[in-house]
Amino acid sequence: MEAWNSWSPCDLISLDVQMPEMDGLEVLNRIRGMEREKNVPESQRARVVMVTARSDKDTLMTSIQAGCNDYVVKPFDKAIVAKKLTKLGFQVHLF
């Protein structure tokens, strides 16, 4: 929220679906709500990648409906993450 209040939002956010106090889907819903409230054009919204150990269709569909841009299932390979980030418009260099 502070990032948006100072108009210096994040370009990329990674959220785990299962987090202790607030799950990633709830955080994602709040982020997208703030972006709508501030009338942030879709092209300028943060890209959100959900991370999960759950590969079931319901988790995937719920994440997409909540507004994530992509998802990664754990355990994952750095090449898969790099490919997804490239697809989202980021330049990635693997070492």
PDB file of N, CA and C in Angstrom:
ATOM      1  N   MET A   1       0.818  -1.185   0.000  1.00  0.00           N
ATOM      2  CA  MET A   1       0.000   0.000   0.000  1.00  0.00           C
ATOM      3  C   MET A   1       0.872   1.264   0.000  1.00  0.00           C
ATOM      4  N   GLU A   2       1.960   1.234   0.777  1.00  0.00           N
ATOM      5  CA  GLU A   2       2.840   2.400   0.827  1.00  0.00           C
ATOM      6  C   GLU A   2       3.415   2.714  -0.547  1.00  0.00           C
ATOM      7  N   ALA A   3       3.719   1.668  -1.315  1.00  0.00           N
ATOM      8  CA  ALA A   3       4.279   1.878  -2.650  1.00  0.00           C
ATOM      9  C   ALA A   3       3.302   2.652  -3.525  1.00  0.00           C
ATOM     10  N   TRP A   4       2.020   2.295  -3.451  1.00  0.00           N
ATOM     11  CA  TRP A   4       1.036   3.016  -4.270  1.00  0.00           C
ATOM     12  C   TRP A   4       0.801   4.421  -3.750  1.00  0.00           C
ATOM     13  N   ASN A   5       0.815   4.597  -2.453  1.00  0.00           N
ATOM     14  CA  ASN A   5       0.605   5.932  -1.896  1.00  0.00           C
ATOM     15  C   ASN A   5       1.712   6.893  -2.307  1.00  0.00           C
ATOM     16  N   SER A   6       2.913   6.370  -2.518  1.00  0.00           N
ATOM     17  CA  SER A   6       4.021   7.215  -2.961  1.00  0.00           C
ATOM     18  C   SER A   6       4.204   7.147  -4.479  1.00  0.00           C
ATOM     19  N   TRP A   7       3.295   6.478  -5.167  1.00  0.00           N
ATOM     20  CA  TRP A   7       3.321   6.293  -6.619  1.00  0.00           C
ATOM     21  C   TRP A   7       4.631   5.674  -7.093  1.00  0.00           C
ATOM     22  N   SER A   8       5.114   4.705  -6.333  1.00  0.00           N
ATOM     23  CA  SER A   8       6.278   3.932  -6.774  1.00  0.00           C
ATOM     24  C   SER A   8       5.956   2.446  -6.600  1.00  0.00           C
ATOM     25  N   PRO A   9       4.994   1.965  -7.391  1.00  0.00           N
ATOM     26  CA  PRO A   9       4.537   0.585  -7.236  1.00  0.00           C
ATOM     27  C   PRO A   9       5.581  -0.445  -7.684  1.00  0.00           C
ATOM     28  N   CYS A  10       5.355  -1.656  -7.272  1.00  0.00           N
ATOM     29  CA  CYS A  10       6.225  -2.774  -7.661  1.00  0.00           C
ATOM     30  C   CYS A  10       5.907  -3.198  -9.087  1.00  0.00           C
ATOM     31  N   ASP A  11       6.926  -3.657  -9.791  1.00  0.00           N
ATOM     32  CA  ASP A  11       6.719  -4.192 -11.133  1.00  0.00           C
ATOM     33  C   ASP A  11       6.337  -5.659 -11.088  1.00  0.00           C
ATOM     34  N   LEU A  12       6.904  -6.377 -10.115  1.00  0.00           N
ATOM     35  CA  LEU A  12       6.692  -7.811 -10.020  1.00  0.00           C
ATOM     36  C   LEU A  12       6.491  -8.199  -8.565  1.00  0.00           C
ATOM     37  N   ILE A  13       5.481  -9.012  -8.328  1.00  0.00           N
ATOM     38  CA  ILE A  13       5.201  -9.513  -6.981  1.00  0.00           C
ATOM     39  C   ILE A  13       5.048 -11.019  -7.077  1.00  0.00           C
ATOM     40  N   SER A  14       5.710 -11.720  -6.168  1.00  0.00           N
ATOM     41  CA  SER A  14       5.583 -13.166  -6.071  1.00  0.00           C
ATOM     42  C   SER A  14       4.859 -13.481  -4.775  1.00  0.00           C
ATOM     43  N   LEU A  15       3.757 -14.221  -4.871  1.00  0.00           N
ATOM     44  CA  LEU A  15       2.962 -14.560  -3.693  1.00  0.00           C
ATOM     45  C   LEU A  15       2.799 -16.063  -3.585  1.00  0.00           C
ATOM     46  N   ASP A  16       3.004 -16.576  -2.390  1.00  0.00           N
ATOM     47  CA  ASP A  16       2.732 -17.989  -2.159  1.00  0.00           C
ATOM     48  C   ASP A  16       1.241 -18.120  -1.880  1.00  0.00           C
ATOM     49  N   VAL A  17       0.616 -19.119  -2.457  1.00  0.00           N
ATOM     50  CA  VAL A  17      -0.815 -19.325  -2.247  1.00  0.00           C
ATOM     51  C   VAL A  17      -1.088 -19.542  -0.765  1.00  0.00           C
ATOM     52  N   GLN A  18      -0.247 -20.320  -0.106  1.00  0.00           N
ATOM     53  CA  GLN A  18      -0.448 -20.618   1.310  1.00  0.00           C
ATOM     54  C   GLN A  18       0.577 -19.877   2.145  1.00  0.00           C
ATOM     55  N   MET A  19       0.106 -18.837   2.841  1.00  0.00           N
ATOM     56  CA  MET A  19       0.971 -18.082   3.747  1.00  0.00           C
ATOM     57  C   MET A  19       0.306 -18.098   5.123  1.00  0.00           C
ATOM     58  N   PRO A  20       1.074 -17.873   6.179  1.00  0.00           N
ATOM     59  CA  PRO A  20       0.550 -18.065   7.533  1.00  0.00           C
ATOM     60  C   PRO A  20      -0.613 -17.161   7.955  1.00  0.00           C
ATOM     61  N   GLU A  21      -0.480 -15.861   7.853  1.00  0.00           N
ATOM     62  CA  GLU A  21      -1.515 -14.974   8.380  1.00  0.00           C
ATOM     63  C   GLU A  21      -2.582 -14.615   7.355  1.00  0.00           C
ATOM     64  N   MET A  22      -2.166 -14.431   6.131  1.00  0.00           N
ATOM     65  CA  MET A  22      -3.088 -14.067   5.064  1.00  0.00           C
ATOM     66  C   MET A  22      -2.620 -14.798   3.814  1.00  0.00           C
ATOM     67  N   ASP A  23      -3.494 -15.578   3.199  1.00  0.00           N
ATOM     68  CA  ASP A  23      -3.034 -16.336   2.036  1.00  0.00           C
ATOM     69  C   ASP A  23      -2.800 -15.422   0.841  1.00  0.00           C
ATOM     70  N   GLY A  24      -2.025 -15.933  -0.099  1.00  0.00           N
ATOM     71  CA  GLY A  24      -1.643 -15.153  -1.259  1.00  0.00           C
ATOM     72  C   GLY A  24      -2.807 -14.659  -2.093  1.00  0.00           C
ATOM     73  N   LEU A  25      -3.893 -15.436  -2.136  1.00  0.00           N
ATOM     74  CA  LEU A  25      -5.060 -15.011  -2.909  1.00  0.00           C
ATOM     75  C   LEU A  25      -5.717 -13.783  -2.285  1.00  0.00           C
ATOM     76  N   GLU A  26      -5.747 -13.724  -0.966  1.00  0.00           N
ATOM     77  CA  GLU A  26      -6.309 -12.547  -0.303  1.00  0.00           C
ATOM     78  C   GLU A  26      -5.423 -11.321  -0.543  1.00  0.00           C
ATOM     79  N   VAL A  27      -4.112 -11.520  -0.474  1.00  0.00           N
ATOM     80  CA  VAL A  27      -3.188 -10.422  -0.759  1.00  0.00           C
ATOM     81  C   VAL A  27      -3.372  -9.947  -2.200  1.00  0.00           C
ATOM     82  N   LEU A  28      -3.477 -10.885  -3.124  1.00  0.00           N
ATOM     83  CA  LEU A  28      -3.683 -10.544  -4.532  1.00  0.00           C
ATOM     84  C   LEU A  28      -4.979  -9.759  -4.716  1.00  0.00           C
ATOM     85  N   ASN A  29      -6.045 -10.191  -4.077  1.00  0.00           N
ATOM     86  CA  ASN A  29      -7.306  -9.461  -4.176  1.00  0.00           C
ATOM     87  C   ASN A  29      -7.166  -8.035  -3.656  1.00  0.00           C
ATOM     88  N   ARG A  30      -6.423  -7.846  -2.591  1.00  0.00           N
ATOM     89  CA  ARG A  30      -6.210  -6.490  -2.053  1.00  0.00           C
ATOM     90  C   ARG A  30      -5.383  -5.639  -3.003  1.00  0.00           C
ATOM     91  N   ILE A  31      -4.344  -6.231  -3.578  1.00  0.00           N
ATOM     92  CA  ILE A  31      -3.503  -5.501  -4.538  1.00  0.00           C
ATOM     93  C   ILE A  31      -4.342  -5.054  -5.729  1.00  0.00           C
ATOM     94  N   ARG A  32      -5.087  -5.984  -6.315  1.00  0.00           N
ATOM     95  CA  ARG A  32      -5.908  -5.640  -7.484  1.00  0.00           C
ATOM     96  C   ARG A  32      -6.985  -4.619  -7.109  1.00  0.00           C
ATOM     97  N   GLY A  33      -7.511  -4.715  -5.912  1.00  0.00           N
ATOM     98  CA  GLY A  33      -8.499  -3.734  -5.452  1.00  0.00           C
ATOM     99  C   GLY A  33      -7.901  -2.338  -5.357  1.00  0.00           C
ATOM    100  N   MET A  34      -6.687  -2.231  -4.822  1.00  0.00           N
ATOM    101  CA  MET A  34      -6.012  -0.932  -4.730  1.00  0.00           C
ATOM    102  C   MET A  34      -5.735  -0.371  -6.119  1.00  0.00           C
ATOM    103  N   GLU A  35      -5.328  -1.240  -7.027  1.00  0.00           N
ATOM    104  CA  GLU A  35      -5.056  -0.779  -8.387  1.00  0.00           C
ATOM    105  C   GLU A  35      -6.329  -0.257  -9.045  1.00  0.00           C
ATOM    106  N   ARG A  36      -7.447  -0.952  -8.851  1.00  0.00           N
ATOM    107  CA  ARG A  36      -8.719  -0.469  -9.413  1.00  0.00           C
ATOM    108  C   ARG A  36      -9.140   0.841  -8.760  1.00  0.00           C
ATOM    109  N   GLU A  37      -8.980   0.922  -7.441  1.00  0.00           N
ATOM    110  CA  GLU A  37      -9.350   2.133  -6.696  1.00  0.00           C
ATOM    111  C   GLU A  37      -8.569   3.349  -7.179  1.00  0.00           C
ATOM    112  N   LYS A  38      -7.316   3.146  -7.540  1.00  0.00           N
ATOM    113  CA  LYS A  38      -6.461   4.239  -8.011  1.00  0.00           C
ATOM    114  C   LYS A  38      -6.518   4.394  -9.532  1.00  0.00           C
ATOM    115  N   ASN A  39      -7.415   3.630 -10.184  1.00  0.00           N
ATOM    116  CA  ASN A  39      -7.569   3.690 -11.640  1.00  0.00           C
ATOM    117  C   ASN A  39      -6.260   3.467 -12.388  1.00  0.00           C
ATOM    118  N   VAL A  40      -5.494   2.503 -11.915  1.00  0.00           N
ATOM    119  CA  VAL A  40      -4.231   2.171 -12.563  1.00  0.00           C
ATOM    120  C   VAL A  40      -4.552   1.404 -13.842  1.00  0.00           C
ATOM    121  N   PRO A  41      -4.076   1.888 -14.978  1.00  0.00           N
ATOM    122  CA  PRO A  41      -4.316   1.164 -16.233  1.00  0.00           C
ATOM    123  C   PRO A  41      -3.745  -0.249 -16.143  1.00  0.00           C
ATOM    124  N   GLU A  42      -4.397  -1.184 -16.773  1.00  0.00           N
ATOM    125  CA  GLU A  42      -3.966  -2.577 -16.706  1.00  0.00           C
ATOM    126  C   GLU A  42      -2.516  -2.754 -17.132  1.00  0.00           C
ATOM    127  N   SER A  43      -2.078  -1.963 -18.108  1.00  0.00           N
ATOM    128  CA  SER A  43      -0.705  -2.082 -18.597  1.00  0.00           C
ATOM    129  C   SER A  43       0.329  -1.655 -17.553  1.00  0.00           C
ATOM    130  N   GLN A  44      -0.098  -0.920 -16.532  1.00  0.00           N
ATOM    131  CA  GLN A  44       0.827  -0.438 -15.510  1.00  0.00           C
ATOM    132  C   GLN A  44       0.656  -1.171 -14.175  1.00  0.00           C
ATOM    133  N   ARG A  45      -0.218  -2.144 -14.125  1.00  0.00           N
ATOM    134  CA  ARG A  45      -0.422  -2.898 -12.887  1.00  0.00           C
ATOM    135  C   ARG A  45       0.742  -3.853 -12.655  1.00  0.00           C
ATOM    136  N   ALA A  46       0.977  -4.151 -11.387  1.00  0.00           N
ATOM    137  CA  ALA A  46       2.038  -5.090 -11.029  1.00  0.00           C
ATOM    138  C   ALA A  46       1.747  -6.456 -11.640  1.00  0.00           C
ATOM    139  N   ARG A  47       2.783  -7.088 -12.120  1.00  0.00           N
ATOM    140  CA  ARG A  47       2.624  -8.462 -12.572  1.00  0.00           C
ATOM    141  C   ARG A  47       2.797  -9.345 -11.349  1.00  0.00           C
ATOM    142  N   VAL A  48       1.860 -10.259 -11.175  1.00  0.00           N
ATOM    143  CA  VAL A  48       1.851 -11.114  -9.988  1.00  0.00           C
ATOM    144  C   VAL A  48       1.984 -12.567 -10.411  1.00  0.00           C
ATOM    145  N   VAL A  49       2.984 -13.226  -9.830  1.00  0.00           N
ATOM    146  CA  VAL A  49       3.201 -14.647 -10.071  1.00  0.00           C
ATOM    147  C   VAL A  49       2.893 -15.376  -8.768  1.00  0.00           C
ATOM    148  N   MET A  50       1.941 -16.275  -8.829  1.00  0.00           N
ATOM    149  CA  MET A  50       1.586 -17.076  -7.661  1.00  0.00           C
ATOM    150  C   MET A  50       2.515 -18.278  -7.607  1.00  0.00           C
ATOM    151  N   VAL A  51       2.943 -18.625  -6.418  1.00  0.00           N
ATOM    152  CA  VAL A  51       3.803 -19.782  -6.194  1.00  0.00           C
ATOM    153  C   VAL A  51       3.023 -20.743  -5.311  1.00  0.00           C
ATOM    154  N   THR A  52       2.999 -22.000  -5.688  1.00  0.00           N
ATOM    155  CA  THR A  52       2.226 -22.964  -4.924  1.00  0.00           C
ATOM    156  C   THR A  52       2.794 -24.371  -5.046  1.00  0.00           C
ATOM    157  N   ALA A  53       2.550 -25.160  -4.035  1.00  0.00           N
ATOM    158  CA  ALA A  53       2.895 -26.582  -4.097  1.00  0.00           C
ATOM    159  C   ALA A  53       1.702 -27.369  -4.628  1.00  0.00           C
ATOM    160  N   ARG A  54       0.577 -26.690  -4.776  1.00  0.00           N
ATOM    161  CA  ARG A  54      -0.653 -27.336  -5.232  1.00  0.00           C
ATOM    162  C   ARG A  54      -0.806 -27.140  -6.738  1.00  0.00           C
ATOM    163  N   SER A  55      -0.917 -28.235  -7.448  1.00  0.00           N
ATOM    164  CA  SER A  55      -1.036 -28.150  -8.905  1.00  0.00           C
ATOM    165  C   SER A  55      -2.445 -28.487  -9.390  1.00  0.00           C
ATOM    166  N   ASP A  56      -3.411 -28.485  -8.479  1.00  0.00           N
ATOM    167  CA  ASP A  56      -4.768 -28.840  -8.881  1.00  0.00           C
ATOM    168  C   ASP A  56      -5.427 -27.708  -9.670  1.00  0.00           C
ATOM    169  N   LYS A  57      -6.380 -28.079 -10.488  1.00  0.00           N
ATOM    170  CA  LYS A  57      -7.055 -27.135 -11.383  1.00  0.00           C
ATOM    171  C   LYS A  57      -7.782 -26.033 -10.609  1.00  0.00           C
ATOM    172  N   ASP A  58      -8.384 -26.365  -9.471  1.00  0.00           N
ATOM    173  CA  ASP A  58      -9.119 -25.363  -8.693  1.00  0.00           C
ATOM    174  C   ASP A  58      -8.207 -24.245  -8.198  1.00  0.00           C
ATOM    175  N   THR A  59      -7.029 -24.607  -7.697  1.00  0.00           N
ATOM    176  CA  THR A  59      -6.087 -23.592  -7.220  1.00  0.00           C
ATOM    177  C   THR A  59      -5.640 -22.701  -8.365  1.00  0.00           C
ATOM    178  N   LEU A  60      -5.338 -23.306  -9.493  1.00  0.00           N
ATOM    179  CA  LEU A  60      -4.920 -22.549 -10.668  1.00  0.00           C
ATOM    180  C   LEU A  60      -6.021 -21.592 -11.125  1.00  0.00           C
ATOM    181  N   MET A  61      -7.236 -22.098 -11.269  1.00  0.00           N
ATOM    182  CA  MET A  61      -8.353 -21.268 -11.744  1.00  0.00           C
ATOM    183  C   MET A  61      -8.672 -20.140 -10.765  1.00  0.00           C
ATOM    184  N   THR A  62      -8.634 -20.437  -9.470  1.00  0.00           N
ATOM    185  CA  THR A  62      -8.902 -19.408  -8.458  1.00  0.00           C
ATOM    186  C   THR A  62      -7.850 -18.309  -8.533  1.00  0.00           C
ATOM    187  N   SER A  63      -6.602 -18.692  -8.732  1.00  0.00           N
ATOM    188  CA  SER A  63      -5.518 -17.711  -8.842  1.00  0.00           C
ATOM    189  C   SER A  63      -5.685 -16.825 -10.076  1.00  0.00           C
ATOM    190  N   ILE A  64      -6.013 -17.435 -11.193  1.00  0.00           N
ATOM    191  CA  ILE A  64      -6.208 -16.669 -12.429  1.00  0.00           C
ATOM    192  C   ILE A  64      -7.418 -15.739 -12.302  1.00  0.00           C
ATOM    193  N   GLN A  65      -8.501 -16.235 -11.732  1.00  0.00           N
ATOM    194  CA  GLN A  65      -9.692 -15.402 -11.550  1.00  0.00           C
ATOM    195  C   GLN A  65      -9.429 -14.237 -10.600  1.00  0.00           C
ATOM    196  N   ALA A  66      -8.526 -14.443  -9.645  1.00  0.00           N
ATOM    197  CA  ALA A  66      -8.184 -13.370  -8.705  1.00  0.00           C
ATOM    198  C   ALA A  66      -7.296 -12.317  -9.348  1.00  0.00           C
ATOM    199  N   GLY A  67      -6.702 -12.647 -10.508  1.00  0.00           N
ATOM    200  CA  GLY A  67      -5.934 -11.645 -11.236  1.00  0.00           C
ATOM    201  C   GLY A  67      -4.443 -11.868 -11.305  1.00  0.00           C
ATOM    202  N   CYS A  68      -3.978 -13.091 -11.052  1.00  0.00           N
ATOM    203  CA  CYS A  68      -2.535 -13.310 -11.196  1.00  0.00           C
ATOM    204  C   CYS A  68      -2.189 -13.350 -12.685  1.00  0.00           C
ATOM    205  N   ASN A  69      -0.937 -13.065 -12.969  1.00  0.00           N
ATOM    206  CA  ASN A  69      -0.480 -13.085 -14.355  1.00  0.00           C
ATOM    207  C   ASN A  69       0.091 -14.426 -14.761  1.00  0.00           C
ATOM    208  N   ASP A  70       0.571 -15.178 -13.779  1.00  0.00           N
ATOM    209  CA  ASP A  70       1.104 -16.509 -14.043  1.00  0.00           C
ATOM    210  C   ASP A  70       1.268 -17.215 -12.716  1.00  0.00           C
ATOM    211  N   TYR A  71       1.668 -18.477 -12.771  1.00  0.00           N
ATOM    212  CA  TYR A  71       1.862 -19.253 -11.548  1.00  0.00           C
ATOM    213  C   TYR A  71       3.030 -20.206 -11.749  1.00  0.00           C
ATOM    214  N   VAL A  72       3.620 -20.611 -10.637  1.00  0.00           N
ATOM    215  CA  VAL A  72       4.721 -21.559 -10.643  1.00  0.00           C
ATOM    216  C   VAL A  72       4.413 -22.605  -9.578  1.00  0.00           C
ATOM    217  N   VAL A  73       4.558 -23.872  -9.954  1.00  0.00           N
ATOM    218  CA  VAL A  73       4.312 -24.963  -9.007  1.00  0.00           C
ATOM    219  C   VAL A  73       5.647 -25.420  -8.436  1.00  0.00           C
ATOM    220  N   LYS A  74       5.700 -25.500  -7.097  1.00  0.00           N
ATOM    221  CA  LYS A  74       6.909 -25.972  -6.411  1.00  0.00           C
ATOM    222  C   LYS A  74       6.954 -27.496  -6.438  1.00  0.00           C
ATOM    223  N   PRO A  75       8.113 -28.082  -6.469  1.00  0.00           N
ATOM    224  CA  PRO A  75       9.411 -27.441  -6.691  1.00  0.00           C
ATOM    225  C   PRO A  75       9.535 -27.032  -8.155  1.00  0.00           C
ATOM    226  N   PHE A  76      10.268 -25.970  -8.400  1.00  0.00           N
ATOM    227  CA  PHE A  76      10.389 -25.484  -9.765  1.00  0.00           C
ATOM    228  C   PHE A  76      11.847 -25.296 -10.147  1.00  0.00           C
ATOM    229  N   ASP A  77      12.061 -25.227 -11.436  1.00  0.00           N
ATOM    230  CA  ASP A  77      13.390 -25.051 -12.013  1.00  0.00           C
ATOM    231  C   ASP A  77      13.552 -23.579 -12.381  1.00  0.00           C
ATOM    232  N   LYS A  78      14.750 -23.040 -12.201  1.00  0.00           N
ATOM    233  CA  LYS A  78      14.958 -21.619 -12.495  1.00  0.00           C
ATOM    234  C   LYS A  78      14.713 -21.296 -13.969  1.00  0.00           C
ATOM    235  N   ALA A  79      14.908 -22.249 -14.860  1.00  0.00           N
ATOM    236  CA  ALA A  79      14.648 -22.012 -16.285  1.00  0.00           C
ATOM    237  C   ALA A  79      13.156 -21.793 -16.527  1.00  0.00           C
ATOM    238  N   ILE A  80      12.313 -22.503 -15.801  1.00  0.00           N
ATOM    239  CA  ILE A  80      10.861 -22.322 -15.931  1.00  0.00           C
ATOM    240  C   ILE A  80      10.470 -20.932 -15.447  1.00  0.00           C
ATOM    241  N   VAL A  81      11.031 -20.525 -14.317  1.00  0.00           N
ATOM    242  CA  VAL A  81      10.742 -19.193 -13.788  1.00  0.00           C
ATOM    243  C   VAL A  81      11.225 -18.132 -14.766  1.00  0.00           C
ATOM    244  N   ALA A  82      12.414 -18.310 -15.311  1.00  0.00           N
ATOM    245  CA  ALA A  82      12.960 -17.352 -16.279  1.00  0.00           C
ATOM    246  C   ALA A  82      12.058 -17.230 -17.500  1.00  0.00           C
ATOM    247  N   LYS A  83      11.563 -18.355 -17.990  1.00  0.00           N
ATOM    248  CA  LYS A  83      10.677 -18.343 -19.157  1.00  0.00           C
ATOM    249  C   LYS A  83       9.384 -17.574 -18.852  1.00  0.00           C
ATOM    250  N   LYS A  84       8.825 -17.799 -17.673  1.00  0.00           N
ATOM    251  CA  LYS A  84       7.591 -17.112 -17.301  1.00  0.00           C
ATOM    252  C   LYS A  84       7.819 -15.613 -17.124  1.00  0.00           C
ATOM    253  N   LEU A  85       8.945 -15.240 -16.525  1.00  0.00           N
ATOM    254  CA  LEU A  85       9.251 -13.827 -16.351  1.00  0.00           C
ATOM    255  C   LEU A  85       9.503 -13.140 -17.688  1.00  0.00           C
ATOM    256  N   THR A  86      10.159 -13.837 -18.597  1.00  0.00           N
ATOM    257  CA  THR A  86      10.379 -13.295 -19.941  1.00  0.00           C
ATOM    258  C   THR A  86       9.037 -13.073 -20.633  1.00  0.00           C
ATOM    259  N   LYS A  87       8.132 -14.023 -20.481  1.00  0.00           N
ATOM    260  CA  LYS A  87       6.797 -13.903 -21.067  1.00  0.00           C
ATOM    261  C   LYS A  87       6.052 -12.675 -20.520  1.00  0.00           C
ATOM    262  N   LEU A  88       6.365 -12.308 -19.267  1.00  0.00           N
ATOM    263  CA  LEU A  88       5.737 -11.144 -18.645  1.00  0.00           C
ATOM    264  C   LEU A  88       6.450  -9.835 -18.982  1.00  0.00           C
ATOM    265  N   GLY A  89       7.521  -9.916 -19.775  1.00  0.00           N
ATOM    266  CA  GLY A  89       8.193  -8.701 -20.231  1.00  0.00           C
ATOM    267  C   GLY A  89       9.457  -8.330 -19.482  1.00  0.00           C
ATOM    268  N   PHE A  90       9.950  -9.207 -18.624  1.00  0.00           N
ATOM    269  CA  PHE A  90      11.171  -8.927 -17.888  1.00  0.00           C
ATOM    270  C   PHE A  90      12.374  -9.534 -18.610  1.00  0.00           C
ATOM    271  N   GLN A  91      13.507  -8.859 -18.514  1.00  0.00           N
ATOM    272  CA  GLN A  91      14.736  -9.419 -19.051  1.00  0.00           C
ATOM    273  C   GLN A  91      15.357 -10.289 -17.963  1.00  0.00           C
ATOM    274  N   VAL A  92      15.648 -11.524 -18.315  1.00  0.00           N
ATOM    275  CA  VAL A  92      16.166 -12.474 -17.339  1.00  0.00           C
ATOM    276  C   VAL A  92      17.511 -13.005 -17.821  1.00  0.00           C
ATOM    277  N   HIS A  93      18.461 -13.038 -16.921  1.00  0.00           N
ATOM    278  CA  HIS A  93      19.791 -13.584 -17.216  1.00  0.00           C
ATOM    279  C   HIS A  93      20.058 -14.679 -16.211  1.00  0.00           C
ATOM    280  N   LEU A  94      20.198 -15.890 -16.679  1.00  0.00           N
ATOM    281  CA  LEU A  94      20.498 -17.000 -15.785  1.00  0.00           C
ATOM    282  C   LEU A  94      21.999 -17.147 -15.623  1.00  0.00           C
ATOM    283  N   PHE A  95      22.408 -17.439 -14.422  1.00  0.00           N
ATOM    284  CA  PHE A  95      23.841 -17.640 -14.132  1.00  0.00           C
ATOM    285  C   PHE A  95      24.080 -19.086 -13.830  1.00  0.00           C
TER     286      PHE A  95
END
